[in-house]
Amino acid sequence: QYVPLHSSLIQVPGAAEKDIDGGPTVIAMAANLMGSLDPSKVLRINTDHYFEHMTMDTMIGRAAHVSLLDSHGFILLLFFSLFAVLE
């Protein structure tokens, strides 16, 4: 996994709330990143990929990004999900 899921989703993990050393920093980073956004305009799409062979591309997430860009269905889903926002 290239980055922790909570990091890629800009969410605060439960452990951060109990961590007195690094927790406040993680909470502040998430708040700063999401603070100026309108929640009604945030679209979160979670995807799950299975690759038969482990390569450097699968380890760093490049293969997952490329597979999304190659997916006609995903591009349509993304476009029509954002249509109202882009109007």
Protein backbone atom coordinates (compact mmCIF):
# COMPACT_ATOMS: atom_id res chain seq x y z
CA GLN A 1 0.00 0.00 0.00
CA TYR A 2 1.54 3.24 -1.17
CA VAL A 3 -0.06 5.52 1.42
CA PRO A 4 -2.33 4.77 4.37
CA LEU A 5 -6.01 4.88 3.41
CA HIS A 6 -6.77 7.65 5.93
CA SER A 7 -4.07 9.77 4.31
CA SER A 8 -5.31 9.33 0.75
CA LEU A 9 -8.87 10.12 1.86
CA ILE A 10 -7.75 13.05 4.01
CA GLN A 11 -9.38 11.60 7.11
CA VAL A 12 -8.24 11.53 10.71
CA PRO A 13 -7.60 7.99 11.97
CA GLY A 14 -8.91 7.09 15.41
CA ALA A 15 -5.37 6.48 16.67
CA ALA A 16 -4.44 10.12 15.95
CA GLU A 17 -6.97 11.34 18.47
CA LYS A 18 -5.21 9.32 21.19
CA ASP A 19 -1.65 10.11 20.06
CA ILE A 20 -0.39 13.07 22.10
CA ASP A 21 2.82 13.44 20.07
CA GLY A 22 1.86 13.25 16.38
CA GLY A 23 -1.92 13.25 16.64
CA PRO A 24 -2.45 17.02 16.78
CA THR A 25 -0.31 17.43 13.65
CA VAL A 26 -2.32 14.82 11.72
CA ILE A 27 -5.59 16.42 12.84
CA ALA A 28 -4.37 19.90 11.88
CA MET A 29 -3.20 18.72 8.45
CA ALA A 30 -6.57 17.12 7.66
CA ALA A 31 -8.42 20.20 8.91
CA ASN A 32 -6.24 22.54 6.83
CA LEU A 33 -6.68 20.46 3.67
CA MET A 34 -10.44 20.04 4.00
CA GLY A 35 -11.30 23.27 5.81
CA SER A 36 -11.73 25.47 2.77
CA LEU A 37 -13.69 22.89 0.75
CA ASP A 38 -17.44 22.79 0.40
CA PRO A 39 -18.37 19.24 1.53
CA SER A 40 -21.24 19.13 -0.97
CA LYS A 41 -18.68 19.46 -3.78
CA VAL A 42 -16.37 16.69 -2.59
CA LEU A 43 -16.73 13.41 -4.42
CA ARG A 44 -14.93 10.43 -2.91
CA ILE A 45 -14.55 7.34 -5.02
CA ASN A 46 -12.92 4.28 -3.49
CA THR A 47 -11.61 1.68 -5.87
CA ASP A 48 -10.14 -1.73 -5.29
CA HIS A 49 -7.68 -3.33 -7.68
CA TYR A 50 -6.33 -6.82 -7.97
CA PHE A 51 -3.13 -7.43 -9.89
CA GLU A 52 -1.81 -10.96 -10.37
CA HIS A 53 1.86 -10.06 -10.20
CA MET A 54 3.70 -7.74 -7.83
CA THR A 55 5.76 -5.18 -9.72
CA MET A 56 7.19 -1.80 -8.84
CA ASP A 57 4.18 -0.22 -10.59
CA THR A 58 1.71 -2.14 -8.42
CA MET A 59 3.69 -1.39 -5.26
CA ILE A 60 3.72 2.38 -5.76
CA GLY A 61 0.18 2.61 -7.09
CA ARG A 62 1.04 3.58 -10.65
CA ALA A 63 -0.71 0.49 -12.06
CA ALA A 64 -3.93 1.39 -10.22
CA HIS A 65 -3.87 4.94 -11.58
CA VAL A 66 -3.25 3.74 -15.13
CA SER A 67 -6.01 1.11 -14.88
CA LEU A 68 -8.48 3.84 -13.92
CA LEU A 69 -7.48 6.03 -16.83
CA ASP A 70 -7.82 3.03 -19.17
CA SER A 71 -11.30 2.23 -17.83
CA HIS A 72 -13.99 3.66 -20.09
CA GLY A 73 -16.65 2.89 -17.46
CA PHE A 74 -14.77 4.74 -14.72
CA ILE A 75 -14.21 7.81 -16.90
CA LEU A 76 -17.95 7.92 -17.67
CA LEU A 77 -18.81 7.50 -13.99
CA LEU A 78 -16.42 10.30 -13.05
CA PHE A 79 -17.65 12.60 -15.81
CA PHE A 80 -21.34 12.15 -15.04
CA SER A 81 -20.75 12.37 -11.29
CA LEU A 82 -19.01 15.71 -11.80
CA PHE A 83 -21.34 17.01 -14.49
CA ALA A 84 -23.40 19.15 -12.09
CA VAL A 85 -20.25 20.57 -10.52
CA LEU A 86 -18.70 21.38 -13.89
CA GLU A 87 -21.85 23.01 -15.29
